Amino acid sequence: MPINFHLSASEAATRAAAANFAEHILKPARAEYLQHEEHHRRFQATHPAYVAAVQGGLLKGQISPAHGGSGGSLVETAIMVEECYAVEPSTALTIFATGLGLTPLNIAAGKAGQHAEFLAPFLRGEGAPLASLVFSEPGGVANAMEKGVRGFQTTARRDGDEWVIDGEKMWATNCAGWDFKGCDLACVVCRDVTEGISKPNGDPKDSVMIILVTRADLDRSGPGAFEVLRHISTPGHTSVSGPHVRYTNVRVPAKNVLCPPGQGAQVAFASFDASAVLVGAMGVGVMRAAFDAALAFAKRDSRNGAVPLLERQAFADLLSGVKMQTEAARALTWKAAHAMEHGPGNYDARRELALAAKVYCSDASVQACMDVINAVGVTAYDLSQPFAELLNTAIVLPIFDGGNVGIRRRHLQQLMLSPTYDAWAATFGPSSGKQ
């Protein structure tokens, strides 16, 4: 079959539905949350839009059909993310962060349905359930998997038929819930300390586990079990909640273990492999919005000259560069999304494309925003224009979901260092003699 870059009927329908949702639900949500100064109050103001997303099937659409959801392909999800990010990234991130919070369950949930109860609230199509992948910590996690270090500072110990969780987390979107007393479901990545402290030369991965913590678990553990230590204000995504939180003697049943010690790191990192593609799509959405805004400005404004700005070569050169980078970024994102699910190549080859999409598209989105700002000039510094907000949205993309410098490029390096590295396997299939 020849290479085909046209959208399928399903993909075109996804794009149309996402564009409609972005225009009629997400865009008005921004006007509502901007009435508040504090970012955590802005987050709460997006509740009606989130409810609409639930009713519209956006949560169920982020759960695998194998677990009762209606999720489509990763390409379709990337298309949906781009459409939303091109209109209103902040409210959209809360919705897609629940998808990230459910990804470990999509990957590791038992086939016999032993984790069905945890997914049930997100399949009903009602209410406003929030999920969170609770991974990052105040001291950072970029080096937490190095041999000889303790690893994650958030710990869990077995006590009879329960696990007891203690520690602090930070930047986990949605983890505090709408009332800041805990979300409906948290996939908490932590370190097993049941047998005591880690060995000096041990491998931290051997003790990493993922435990499912529900709001009922937090409430049952009593006052003070879950605390928000600080709400974080950020330059962009100003209606998103990812606070500094603390777990103290949080008790959960043994059945809540999604990944036992030694299996948690693999599932956590695999979750971020899928989300890497979606960060690429976020970057594409921001670049698209920046281009569209600059193009509209260039057609209507002459800067008191004889012709519109678009007829000036310097402006057109910058703008055409942004357009080409957007097209290239989208092609890489779609390729990475398709390869993750269909190959060719083994998982490492497909993973490399996902990492590349995250790094390339996030870096390109920042540069695109700077290019259109330089093209527009000082008017872009006016907050009544969209350009500064687009830049503030873009600048987090290279540093969240695994920073490009501290984590993602290092993962690319590790792949290239492998003796079995096959550079073009995800494009042409395995080279002769390589699997």
Foldseek 3Di string as FASTA:
>chain_A
DDDDPDDDPVLVVLLVVLLVLLVPQVQVLVVQLVVDDAQLSSLLSSQVSLQVCLLVQLLLLLADVLLVGNHDFLLSVLSSLLSNLLRHNLSVCQSVQQSLLCQLCNVQPDSVCLCSVLCVVSNPSGDRAGGWAFEAFPVGQLCQQDFQDQRFPWEWADDPQKIWIWDKTWQTWCQLPSVRPGGQKYFYWHFYQHVHGDDRGGGRQQGIFTFIDGSVQSVVQDPPQKHFPDWDAALASSNITTTIMIGDGRIDGNSRTRGGGNGRVVSSVVSLLSVLLNLLSSLLSLLVSLLVLLVVQQQPDCVPDDHGNCPPPLLVVLSVVSVVLSVVLSVLSSLLSCCCVPFFDDNLQSSLSSLCSQQSSLVSSLVSLVSSCVSVDPVLVDPVRCSSNSNSVSVCSCPPSAHNPSHSVVSVVVLVPDPLRDNCCRPPNGDPPGD
